[in-house]
Amino acid sequence: VPTVNPAIWAPMNPSMRGQEVRYQRVLQLVAATITAFGTMVKGTMINQIQKDMLAILCNAFFEVNCIRKIAIRPTLNQKFAALCKATNIQTPDFLFGTDLVKQIR
């Protein structure tokens, strides 16, 4: 589950941090479900229903990350709000990517 970049986390108010932690807990459950599913079908052919289920879980993971960015956006300086676009690539480590300084420029 990607964490919020330290440069964005530091100035966040406690209420927003609490909300962010709750989103991360939901994502941990989704990630655990995806992992369990992968373990269950490892080495076997999966049917269309299983493919659809996996696609839905992965989409839920992506969508919750998009919601996290939308929720954080109002707490950022206006000139950095573009970082919160859902189209920005997500990395496994940080919600806003690993090279935040480059994105800000």
PDB file of N, CA and C in Angstrom:
ATOM      1  N   VAL A   1       0.860  -1.176   0.000  1.00  0.00           N
ATOM      2  CA  VAL A   1       0.000   0.000   0.000  1.00  0.00           C
ATOM      3  C   VAL A   1       0.901   1.231   0.000  1.00  0.00           C
ATOM      4  N   PRO A   2       0.752   2.103  -1.006  1.00  0.00           N
ATOM      5  CA  PRO A   2       1.612   3.283  -1.035  1.00  0.00           C
ATOM      6  C   PRO A   2       1.298   4.237   0.125  1.00  0.00           C
ATOM      7  N   THR A   3       2.350   4.740   0.741  1.00  0.00           N
ATOM      8  CA  THR A   3       2.176   5.719   1.816  1.00  0.00           C
ATOM      9  C   THR A   3       2.229   7.118   1.225  1.00  0.00           C
ATOM     10  N   VAL A   4       1.773   8.084   1.986  1.00  0.00           N
ATOM     11  CA  VAL A   4       1.842   9.475   1.547  1.00  0.00           C
ATOM     12  C   VAL A   4       3.301   9.929   1.656  1.00  0.00           C
ATOM     13  N   ASN A   5       3.746  10.639   0.631  1.00  0.00           N
ATOM     14  CA  ASN A   5       5.116  11.150   0.629  1.00  0.00           C
ATOM     15  C   ASN A   5       5.356  11.985   1.883  1.00  0.00           C
ATOM     16  N   PRO A   6       6.543  11.840   2.506  1.00  0.00           N
ATOM     17  CA  PRO A   6       6.837  12.600   3.725  1.00  0.00           C
ATOM     18  C   PRO A   6       6.647  14.109   3.577  1.00  0.00           C
ATOM     19  N   ALA A   7       6.976  14.670   2.429  1.00  0.00           N
ATOM     20  CA  ALA A   7       6.833  16.122   2.224  1.00  0.00           C
ATOM     21  C   ALA A   7       5.375  16.558   2.238  1.00  0.00           C
ATOM     22  N   ILE A   8       4.471  15.653   1.911  1.00  0.00           N
ATOM     23  CA  ILE A   8       3.039  15.964   1.934  1.00  0.00           C
ATOM     24  C   ILE A   8       2.445  15.604   3.291  1.00  0.00           C
ATOM     25  N   TRP A   9       2.935  14.523   3.888  1.00  0.00           N
ATOM     26  CA  TRP A   9       2.429  14.076   5.183  1.00  0.00           C
ATOM     27  C   TRP A   9       2.722  15.085   6.294  1.00  0.00           C
ATOM     28  N   ALA A  10       3.922  15.624   6.305  1.00  0.00           N
ATOM     29  CA  ALA A  10       4.364  16.494   7.409  1.00  0.00           C
ATOM     30  C   ALA A  10       3.410  17.656   7.689  1.00  0.00           C
ATOM     31  N   PRO A  11       2.959  18.413   6.677  1.00  0.00           N
ATOM     32  CA  PRO A  11       2.077  19.547   6.989  1.00  0.00           C
ATOM     33  C   PRO A  11       0.591  19.197   7.124  1.00  0.00           C
ATOM     34  N   MET A  12       0.229  17.922   6.929  1.00  0.00           N
ATOM     35  CA  MET A  12      -1.186  17.544   7.020  1.00  0.00           C
ATOM     36  C   MET A  12      -1.690  17.673   8.452  1.00  0.00           C
ATOM     37  N   ASN A  13      -2.946  18.117   8.585  1.00  0.00           N
ATOM     38  CA  ASN A  13      -3.522  18.246   9.920  1.00  0.00           C
ATOM     39  C   ASN A  13      -3.879  16.861  10.471  1.00  0.00           C
ATOM     40  N   PRO A  14      -4.014  16.741  11.787  1.00  0.00           N
ATOM     41  CA  PRO A  14      -4.283  15.437  12.408  1.00  0.00           C
ATOM     42  C   PRO A  14      -5.556  14.756  11.894  1.00  0.00           C
ATOM     43  N   SER A  15      -6.579  15.524  11.595  1.00  0.00           N
ATOM     44  CA  SER A  15      -7.817  14.938  11.096  1.00  0.00           C
ATOM     45  C   SER A  15      -7.598  14.271   9.737  1.00  0.00           C
ATOM     46  N   MET A  16      -6.882  14.949   8.860  1.00  0.00           N
ATOM     47  CA  MET A  16      -6.598  14.393   7.545  1.00  0.00           C
ATOM     48  C   MET A  16      -5.688  13.176   7.655  1.00  0.00           C
ATOM     49  N   ARG A  17      -4.743  13.227   8.575  1.00  0.00           N
ATOM     50  CA  ARG A  17      -3.868  12.066   8.785  1.00  0.00           C
ATOM     51  C   ARG A  17      -4.674  10.852   9.241  1.00  0.00           C
ATOM     52  N   GLY A  18      -5.620  11.080  10.132  1.00  0.00           N
ATOM     53  CA  GLY A  18      -6.470   9.988  10.607  1.00  0.00           C
ATOM     54  C   GLY A  18      -7.289   9.381   9.479  1.00  0.00           C
ATOM     55  N   GLN A  19      -7.844  10.245   8.631  1.00  0.00           N
ATOM     56  CA  GLN A  19      -8.612   9.767   7.482  1.00  0.00           C
ATOM     57  C   GLN A  19      -7.703   8.967   6.549  1.00  0.00           C
ATOM     58  N   GLU A  20      -6.514   9.436   6.327  1.00  0.00           N
ATOM     59  CA  GLU A  20      -5.563   8.760   5.452  1.00  0.00           C
ATOM     60  C   GLU A  20      -5.200   7.378   6.003  1.00  0.00           C
ATOM     61  N   VAL A  21      -5.006   7.271   7.296  1.00  0.00           N
ATOM     62  CA  VAL A  21      -4.698   5.982   7.915  1.00  0.00           C
ATOM     63  C   VAL A  21      -5.861   5.013   7.711  1.00  0.00           C
ATOM     64  N   ARG A  22      -7.094   5.509   7.806  1.00  0.00           N
ATOM     65  CA  ARG A  22      -8.260   4.641   7.583  1.00  0.00           C
ATOM     66  C   ARG A  22      -8.296   4.136   6.138  1.00  0.00           C
ATOM     67  N   TYR A  23      -7.983   5.006   5.167  1.00  0.00           N
ATOM     68  CA  TYR A  23      -7.920   4.577   3.768  1.00  0.00           C
ATOM     69  C   TYR A  23      -6.837   3.509   3.590  1.00  0.00           C
ATOM     70  N   GLN A  24      -5.708   3.697   4.245  1.00  0.00           N
ATOM     71  CA  GLN A  24      -4.623   2.726   4.130  1.00  0.00           C
ATOM     72  C   GLN A  24      -5.042   1.368   4.687  1.00  0.00           C
ATOM     73  N   ARG A  25      -5.820   1.369   5.762  1.00  0.00           N
ATOM     74  CA  ARG A  25      -6.296   0.095   6.336  1.00  0.00           C
ATOM     75  C   ARG A  25      -7.208  -0.634   5.348  1.00  0.00           C
ATOM     76  N   VAL A  26      -8.082   0.115   4.676  1.00  0.00           N
ATOM     77  CA  VAL A  26      -8.951  -0.498   3.668  1.00  0.00           C
ATOM     78  C   VAL A  26      -8.099  -1.090   2.550  1.00  0.00           C
ATOM     79  N   LEU A  27      -7.100  -0.332   2.106  1.00  0.00           N
ATOM     80  CA  LEU A  27      -6.235  -0.823   1.037  1.00  0.00           C
ATOM     81  C   LEU A  27      -5.445  -2.059   1.461  1.00  0.00           C
ATOM     82  N   GLN A  28      -5.065  -2.126   2.715  1.00  0.00           N
ATOM     83  CA  GLN A  28      -4.361  -3.318   3.194  1.00  0.00           C
ATOM     84  C   GLN A  28      -5.259  -4.547   3.097  1.00  0.00           C
ATOM     85  N   LEU A  29      -6.551  -4.378   3.381  1.00  0.00           N
ATOM     86  CA  LEU A  29      -7.495  -5.490   3.244  1.00  0.00           C
ATOM     87  C   LEU A  29      -7.647  -5.904   1.783  1.00  0.00           C
ATOM     88  N   VAL A  30      -7.762  -4.922   0.893  1.00  0.00           N
ATOM     89  CA  VAL A  30      -7.885  -5.231  -0.531  1.00  0.00           C
ATOM     90  C   VAL A  30      -6.618  -5.931  -1.026  1.00  0.00           C
ATOM     91  N   ALA A  31      -5.457  -5.413  -0.632  1.00  0.00           N
ATOM     92  CA  ALA A  31      -4.190  -6.027  -1.046  1.00  0.00           C
ATOM     93  C   ALA A  31      -4.072  -7.451  -0.507  1.00  0.00           C
ATOM     94  N   ALA A  32      -4.501  -7.670   0.723  1.00  0.00           N
ATOM     95  CA  ALA A  32      -4.453  -9.016   1.299  1.00  0.00           C
ATOM     96  C   ALA A  32      -5.379  -9.961   0.537  1.00  0.00           C
ATOM     97  N   THR A  33      -6.518  -9.457   0.111  1.00  0.00           N
ATOM     98  CA  THR A  33      -7.457 -10.273  -0.660  1.00  0.00           C
ATOM     99  C   THR A  33      -6.874 -10.627  -2.020  1.00  0.00           C
ATOM    100  N   ILE A  34      -6.241  -9.658  -2.674  1.00  0.00           N
ATOM    101  CA  ILE A  34      -5.596  -9.920  -3.963  1.00  0.00           C
ATOM    102  C   ILE A  34      -4.494 -10.964  -3.799  1.00  0.00           C
ATOM    103  N   THR A  35      -3.710 -10.829  -2.752  1.00  0.00           N
ATOM    104  CA  THR A  35      -2.628 -11.782  -2.490  1.00  0.00           C
ATOM    105  C   THR A  35      -3.176 -13.177  -2.211  1.00  0.00           C
ATOM    106  N   ALA A  36      -4.219 -13.252  -1.398  1.00  0.00           N
ATOM    107  CA  ALA A  36      -4.826 -14.554  -1.092  1.00  0.00           C
ATOM    108  C   ALA A  36      -5.389 -15.194  -2.359  1.00  0.00           C
ATOM    109  N   PHE A  37      -6.015 -14.393  -3.185  1.00  0.00           N
ATOM    110  CA  PHE A  37      -6.559 -14.906  -4.443  1.00  0.00           C
ATOM    111  C   PHE A  37      -5.429 -15.452  -5.321  1.00  0.00           C
ATOM    112  N   GLY A  38      -4.340 -14.696  -5.410  1.00  0.00           N
ATOM    113  CA  GLY A  38      -3.195 -15.144  -6.198  1.00  0.00           C
ATOM    114  C   GLY A  38      -2.621 -16.452  -5.689  1.00  0.00           C
ATOM    115  N   THR A  39      -2.553 -16.595  -4.384  1.00  0.00           N
ATOM    116  CA  THR A  39      -2.058 -17.833  -3.778  1.00  0.00           C
ATOM    117  C   THR A  39      -3.004 -18.993  -4.077  1.00  0.00           C
ATOM    118  N   MET A  40      -4.295 -18.710  -4.040  1.00  0.00           N
ATOM    119  CA  MET A  40      -5.299 -19.742  -4.264  1.00  0.00           C
ATOM    120  C   MET A  40      -5.239 -20.303  -5.687  1.00  0.00           C
ATOM    121  N   VAL A  41      -4.998 -19.447  -6.661  1.00  0.00           N
ATOM    122  CA  VAL A  41      -5.039 -19.892  -8.057  1.00  0.00           C
ATOM    123  C   VAL A  41      -3.650 -20.140  -8.645  1.00  0.00           C
ATOM    124  N   LYS A  42      -2.638 -20.016  -7.846  1.00  0.00           N
ATOM    125  CA  LYS A  42      -1.268 -20.191  -8.330  1.00  0.00           C
ATOM    126  C   LYS A  42      -1.098 -21.553  -8.999  1.00  0.00           C
ATOM    127  N   GLY A  43      -0.568 -21.497 -10.223  1.00  0.00           N
ATOM    128  CA  GLY A  43      -0.303 -22.730 -10.943  1.00  0.00           C
ATOM    129  C   GLY A  43      -1.509 -23.340 -11.622  1.00  0.00           C
ATOM    130  N   THR A  44      -2.652 -22.671 -11.588  1.00  0.00           N
ATOM    131  CA  THR A  44      -3.853 -23.196 -12.244  1.00  0.00           C
ATOM    132  C   THR A  44      -4.349 -22.191 -13.276  1.00  0.00           C
ATOM    133  N   MET A  45      -5.137 -22.661 -14.185  1.00  0.00           N
ATOM    134  CA  MET A  45      -5.790 -21.768 -15.148  1.00  0.00           C
ATOM    135  C   MET A  45      -6.979 -21.120 -14.431  1.00  0.00           C
ATOM    136  N   ILE A  46      -7.134 -19.821 -14.630  1.00  0.00           N
ATOM    137  CA  ILE A  46      -8.275 -19.168 -13.980  1.00  0.00           C
ATOM    138  C   ILE A  46      -9.381 -18.941 -15.013  1.00  0.00           C
ATOM    139  N   ASN A  47     -10.618 -19.043 -14.542  1.00  0.00           N
ATOM    140  CA  ASN A  47     -11.753 -18.873 -15.442  1.00  0.00           C
ATOM    141  C   ASN A  47     -12.139 -17.394 -15.530  1.00  0.00           C
ATOM    142  N   GLN A  48     -13.110 -17.091 -16.355  1.00  0.00           N
ATOM    143  CA  GLN A  48     -13.495 -15.694 -16.600  1.00  0.00           C
ATOM    144  C   GLN A  48     -14.028 -15.026 -15.337  1.00  0.00           C
ATOM    145  N   ILE A  49     -14.761 -15.738 -14.527  1.00  0.00           N
ATOM    146  CA  ILE A  49     -15.285 -15.156 -13.279  1.00  0.00           C
ATOM    147  C   ILE A  49     -14.128 -14.765 -12.364  1.00  0.00           C
ATOM    148  N   GLN A  50     -13.127 -15.622 -12.267  1.00  0.00           N
ATOM    149  CA  GLN A  50     -11.958 -15.315 -11.436  1.00  0.00           C
ATOM    150  C   GLN A  50     -11.183 -14.122 -11.996  1.00  0.00           C
ATOM    151  N   LYS A  51     -11.059 -14.046 -13.321  1.00  0.00           N
ATOM    152  CA  LYS A  51     -10.393 -12.896 -13.951  1.00  0.00           C
ATOM    153  C   LYS A  51     -11.149 -11.607 -13.646  1.00  0.00           C
ATOM    154  N   ASP A  52     -12.473 -11.686 -13.739  1.00  0.00           N
ATOM    155  CA  ASP A  52     -13.299 -10.514 -13.442  1.00  0.00           C
ATOM    156  C   ASP A  52     -13.149 -10.094 -11.982  1.00  0.00           C
ATOM    157  N   MET A  53     -13.121 -11.082 -11.091  1.00  0.00           N
ATOM    158  CA  MET A  53     -12.967 -10.789  -9.670  1.00  0.00           C
ATOM    159  C   MET A  53     -11.636 -10.089  -9.403  1.00  0.00           C
ATOM    160  N   LEU A  54     -10.581 -10.590 -10.014  1.00  0.00           N
ATOM    161  CA  LEU A  54      -9.270  -9.977  -9.840  1.00  0.00           C
ATOM    162  C   LEU A  54      -9.248  -8.554 -10.402  1.00  0.00           C
ATOM    163  N   ALA A  55      -9.874  -8.368 -11.566  1.00  0.00           N
ATOM    164  CA  ALA A  55      -9.940  -7.035 -12.160  1.00  0.00           C
ATOM    165  C   ALA A  55     -10.701  -6.064 -11.259  1.00  0.00           C
ATOM    166  N   ILE A  56     -11.780  -6.517 -10.654  1.00  0.00           N
ATOM    167  CA  ILE A  56     -12.572  -5.669  -9.757  1.00  0.00           C
ATOM    168  C   ILE A  56     -11.756  -5.291  -8.525  1.00  0.00           C
ATOM    169  N   LEU A  57     -11.049  -6.247  -7.952  1.00  0.00           N
ATOM    170  CA  LEU A  57     -10.222  -5.964  -6.775  1.00  0.00           C
ATOM    171  C   LEU A  57      -9.107  -4.972  -7.106  1.00  0.00           C
ATOM    172  N   CYS A  58      -8.454  -5.169  -8.237  1.00  0.00           N
ATOM    173  CA  CYS A  58      -7.381  -4.249  -8.634  1.00  0.00           C
ATOM    174  C   CYS A  58      -7.931  -2.859  -8.912  1.00  0.00           C
ATOM    175  N   ASN A  59      -9.114  -2.795  -9.521  1.00  0.00           N
ATOM    176  CA  ASN A  59      -9.728  -1.498  -9.777  1.00  0.00           C
ATOM    177  C   ASN A  59     -10.114  -0.823  -8.464  1.00  0.00           C
ATOM    178  N   ALA A  60     -10.598  -1.583  -7.498  1.00  0.00           N
ATOM    179  CA  ALA A  60     -10.929  -1.009  -6.186  1.00  0.00           C
ATOM    180  C   ALA A  60      -9.687  -0.422  -5.531  1.00  0.00           C
ATOM    181  N   PHE A  61      -8.567  -1.121  -5.647  1.00  0.00           N
ATOM    182  CA  PHE A  61      -7.302  -0.626  -5.094  1.00  0.00           C
ATOM    183  C   PHE A  61      -6.936   0.708  -5.743  1.00  0.00           C
ATOM    184  N   PHE A  62      -7.037   0.777  -7.068  1.00  0.00           N
ATOM    185  CA  PHE A  62      -6.732   2.011  -7.791  1.00  0.00           C
ATOM    186  C   PHE A  62      -7.689   3.132  -7.394  1.00  0.00           C
ATOM    187  N   GLU A  63      -8.982   2.834  -7.342  1.00  0.00           N
ATOM    188  CA  GLU A  63      -9.987   3.854  -7.036  1.00  0.00           C
ATOM    189  C   GLU A  63      -9.819   4.431  -5.634  1.00  0.00           C
ATOM    190  N   VAL A  64      -9.519   3.589  -4.653  1.00  0.00           N
ATOM    191  CA  VAL A  64      -9.307   4.105  -3.298  1.00  0.00           C
ATOM    192  C   VAL A  64      -8.091   5.024  -3.267  1.00  0.00           C
ATOM    193  N   ASN A  65      -7.052   4.691  -4.013  1.00  0.00           N
ATOM    194  CA  ASN A  65      -5.902   5.589  -4.086  1.00  0.00           C
ATOM    195  C   ASN A  65      -6.273   6.922  -4.725  1.00  0.00           C
ATOM    196  N   CYS A  66      -7.140   6.891  -5.731  1.00  0.00           N
ATOM    197  CA  CYS A  66      -7.625   8.143  -6.339  1.00  0.00           C
ATOM    198  C   CYS A  66      -8.413   8.963  -5.321  1.00  0.00           C
ATOM    199  N   ILE A  67      -9.253   8.307  -4.535  1.00  0.00           N
ATOM    200  CA  ILE A  67     -10.029   8.993  -3.497  1.00  0.00           C
ATOM    201  C   ILE A  67      -9.097   9.612  -2.464  1.00  0.00           C
ATOM    202  N   ARG A  68      -8.023   8.913  -2.122  1.00  0.00           N
ATOM    203  CA  ARG A  68      -7.041   9.454  -1.170  1.00  0.00           C
ATOM    204  C   ARG A  68      -6.469  10.764  -1.696  1.00  0.00           C
ATOM    205  N   LYS A  69      -6.105  10.776  -2.966  1.00  0.00           N
ATOM    206  CA  LYS A  69      -5.533  11.998  -3.549  1.00  0.00           C
ATOM    207  C   LYS A  69      -6.545  13.144  -3.548  1.00  0.00           C
ATOM    208  N   ILE A  70      -7.783  12.828  -3.893  1.00  0.00           N
ATOM    209  CA  ILE A  70      -8.832  13.852  -3.893  1.00  0.00           C
ATOM    210  C   ILE A  70      -9.035  14.414  -2.488  1.00  0.00           C
ATOM    211  N   ALA A  71      -8.989  13.544  -1.485  1.00  0.00           N
ATOM    212  CA  ALA A  71      -9.180  13.986  -0.097  1.00  0.00           C
ATOM    213  C   ALA A  71      -8.021  14.859   0.380  1.00  0.00           C
ATOM    214  N   ILE A  72      -6.817  14.558  -0.084  1.00  0.00           N
ATOM    215  CA  ILE A  72      -5.640  15.313   0.345  1.00  0.00           C
ATOM    216  C   ILE A  72      -5.537  16.661  -0.372  1.00  0.00           C
ATOM    217  N   ARG A  73      -6.055  16.742  -1.568  1.00  0.00           N
ATOM    218  CA  ARG A  73      -5.906  17.943  -2.406  1.00  0.00           C
ATOM    219  C   ARG A  73      -6.212  19.260  -1.690  1.00  0.00           C
ATOM    220  N   PRO A  74      -7.327  19.383  -0.970  1.00  0.00           N
ATOM    221  CA  PRO A  74      -7.626  20.673  -0.323  1.00  0.00           C
ATOM    222  C   PRO A  74      -6.609  21.082   0.749  1.00  0.00           C
ATOM    223  N   THR A  75      -5.844  20.129   1.258  1.00  0.00           N
ATOM    224  CA  THR A  75      -4.870  20.450   2.304  1.00  0.00           C
ATOM    225  C   THR A  75      -3.540  20.936   1.733  1.00  0.00           C
ATOM    226  N   LEU A  76      -3.369  20.809   0.405  1.00  0.00           N
ATOM    227  CA  LEU A  76      -2.115  21.207  -0.228  1.00  0.00           C
ATOM    228  C   LEU A  76      -2.130  22.665  -0.662  1.00  0.00           C
ATOM    229  N   ASN A  77      -0.954  23.220  -0.776  1.00  0.00           N
ATOM    230  CA  ASN A  77      -0.807  24.532  -1.394  1.00  0.00           C
ATOM    231  C   ASN A  77      -1.386  24.421  -2.805  1.00  0.00           C
ATOM    232  N   GLN A  78      -2.109  25.431  -3.251  1.00  0.00           N
ATOM    233  CA  GLN A  78      -2.808  25.398  -4.538  1.00  0.00           C
ATOM    234  C   GLN A  78      -1.879  25.067  -5.709  1.00  0.00           C
ATOM    235  N   LYS A  79      -0.636  25.526  -5.659  1.00  0.00           N
ATOM    236  CA  LYS A  79       0.270  25.271  -6.787  1.00  0.00           C
ATOM    237  C   LYS A  79       0.688  23.799  -6.884  1.00  0.00           C
ATOM    238  N   PHE A  80       0.425  23.010  -5.837  1.00  0.00           N
ATOM    239  CA  PHE A  80       0.754  21.592  -5.854  1.00  0.00           C
ATOM    240  C   PHE A  80      -0.467  20.700  -6.065  1.00  0.00           C
ATOM    241  N   ALA A  81      -1.627  21.305  -6.228  1.00  0.00           N
ATOM    242  CA  ALA A  81      -2.874  20.544  -6.353  1.00  0.00           C
ATOM    243  C   ALA A  81      -2.871  19.605  -7.561  1.00  0.00           C
ATOM    244  N   ALA A  82      -2.124  19.944  -8.606  1.00  0.00           N
ATOM    245  CA  ALA A  82      -2.073  19.090  -9.800  1.00  0.00           C
ATOM    246  C   ALA A  82      -1.503  17.708  -9.488  1.00  0.00           C
ATOM    247  N   LEU A  83      -0.765  17.588  -8.403  1.00  0.00           N
ATOM    248  CA  LEU A  83      -0.223  16.283  -8.008  1.00  0.00           C
ATOM    249  C   LEU A  83      -1.329  15.289  -7.688  1.00  0.00           C
ATOM    250  N   CYS A  84      -2.517  15.792  -7.394  1.00  0.00           N
ATOM    251  CA  CYS A  84      -3.613  14.941  -6.935  1.00  0.00           C
ATOM    252  C   CYS A  84      -4.470  14.385  -8.071  1.00  0.00           C
ATOM    253  N   LYS A  85      -4.075  14.607  -9.305  1.00  0.00           N
ATOM    254  CA  LYS A  85      -4.844  14.063 -10.415  1.00  0.00           C
ATOM    255  C   LYS A  85      -4.778  12.543 -10.396  1.00  0.00           C
ATOM    256  N   ALA A  86      -5.916  11.926 -10.630  1.00  0.00           N
ATOM    257  CA  ALA A  86      -5.977  10.463 -10.617  1.00  0.00           C
ATOM    258  C   ALA A  86      -5.133   9.856 -11.735  1.00  0.00           C
ATOM    259  N   THR A  87      -4.885  10.625 -12.779  1.00  0.00           N
ATOM    260  CA  THR A  87      -4.129  10.094 -13.911  1.00  0.00           C
ATOM    261  C   THR A  87      -2.642   9.989 -13.631  1.00  0.00           C
ATOM    262  N   ASN A  88      -2.167  10.648 -12.570  1.00  0.00           N
ATOM    263  CA  ASN A  88      -0.753  10.534 -12.234  1.00  0.00           C
ATOM    264  C   ASN A  88      -0.425   9.089 -11.885  1.00  0.00           C
ATOM    265  N   ILE A  89       0.720   8.625 -12.354  1.00  0.00           N
ATOM    266  CA  ILE A  89       1.143   7.248 -12.126  1.00  0.00           C
ATOM    267  C   ILE A  89       1.394   7.020 -10.638  1.00  0.00           C
ATOM    268  N   GLN A  90       0.917   5.897 -10.152  1.00  0.00           N
ATOM    269  CA  GLN A  90       1.141   5.519  -8.761  1.00  0.00           C
ATOM    270  C   GLN A  90       2.280   4.510  -8.697  1.00  0.00           C
ATOM    271  N   THR A  91       3.068   4.622  -7.675  1.00  0.00           N
ATOM    272  CA  THR A  91       4.152   3.667  -7.468  1.00  0.00           C
ATOM    273  C   THR A  91       3.838   2.849  -6.227  1.00  0.00           C
ATOM    274  N   PRO A  92       4.490   1.716  -6.061  1.00  0.00           N
ATOM    275  CA  PRO A  92       4.196   0.904  -4.877  1.00  0.00           C
ATOM    276  C   PRO A  92       4.642   1.553  -3.566  1.00  0.00           C
ATOM    277  N   ASP A  93       5.568   2.506  -3.636  1.00  0.00           N
ATOM    278  CA  ASP A  93       6.119   3.093  -2.415  1.00  0.00           C
ATOM    279  C   ASP A  93       5.358   4.314  -1.920  1.00  0.00           C
ATOM    280  N   PHE A  94       5.119   5.282  -2.812  1.00  0.00           N
ATOM    281  CA  PHE A  94       4.516   6.547  -2.398  1.00  0.00           C
ATOM    282  C   PHE A  94       3.308   6.895  -3.248  1.00  0.00           C
ATOM    283  N   LEU A  95       2.293   7.440  -2.620  1.00  0.00           N
ATOM    284  CA  LEU A  95       1.051   7.790  -3.292  1.00  0.00           C
ATOM    285  C   LEU A  95       1.259   8.793  -4.415  1.00  0.00           C
ATOM    286  N   PHE A  96       2.204   9.710  -4.242  1.00  0.00           N
ATOM    287  CA  PHE A  96       2.428  10.748  -5.237  1.00  0.00           C
ATOM    288  C   PHE A  96       3.683  10.499  -6.065  1.00  0.00           C
ATOM    289  N   GLY A  97       4.153   9.262  -6.111  1.00  0.00           N
ATOM    290  CA  GLY A  97       5.333   8.923  -6.898  1.00  0.00           C
ATOM    291  C   GLY A  97       6.605   9.082  -6.083  1.00  0.00           C
ATOM    292  N   THR A  98       7.689   8.534  -6.620  1.00  0.00           N
ATOM    293  CA  THR A  98       8.953   8.567  -5.892  1.00  0.00           C
ATOM    294  C   THR A  98       9.755   9.833  -6.130  1.00  0.00           C
ATOM    295  N   ASP A  99       9.486  10.538  -7.220  1.00  0.00           N
ATOM    296  CA  ASP A  99      10.251  11.744  -7.533  1.00  0.00           C
ATOM    297  C   ASP A  99       9.352  12.975  -7.440  1.00  0.00           C
ATOM    298  N   LEU A 100       8.916  13.271  -6.230  1.00  0.00           N
ATOM    299  CA  LEU A 100       7.983  14.367  -5.992  1.00  0.00           C
ATOM    300  C   LEU A 100       8.550  15.719  -6.423  1.00  0.00           C
ATOM    301  N   VAL A 101       9.828  15.952  -6.175  1.00  0.00           N
ATOM    302  CA  VAL A 101      10.449  17.232  -6.532  1.00  0.00           C
ATOM    303  C   VAL A 101      10.359  17.473  -8.034  1.00  0.00           C
ATOM    304  N   LYS A 102      10.607  16.449  -8.828  1.00  0.00           N
ATOM    305  CA  LYS A 102      10.552  16.585 -10.279  1.00  0.00           C
ATOM    306  C   LYS A 102       9.121  16.903 -10.739  1.00  0.00           C
ATOM    307  N   GLN A 103       8.129  16.307 -10.102  1.00  0.00           N
ATOM    308  CA  GLN A 103       6.734  16.544 -10.474  1.00  0.00           C
ATOM    309  C   GLN A 103       6.311  17.969 -10.150  1.00  0.00           C
ATOM    310  N   ILE A 104       6.848  18.537  -9.099  1.00  0.00           N
ATOM    311  CA  ILE A 104       6.467  19.875  -8.677  1.00  0.00           C
ATOM    312  C   ILE A 104       6.965  20.930  -9.654  1.00  0.00           C
ATOM    313  N   ARG A 105       8.094  20.693 -10.249  1.00  0.00           N
ATOM    314  CA  ARG A 105       8.682  21.656 -11.192  1.00  0.00           C
ATOM    315  C   ARG A 105       7.863  21.814 -12.382  1.00  0.00           C
TER     316      ARG A 105
END
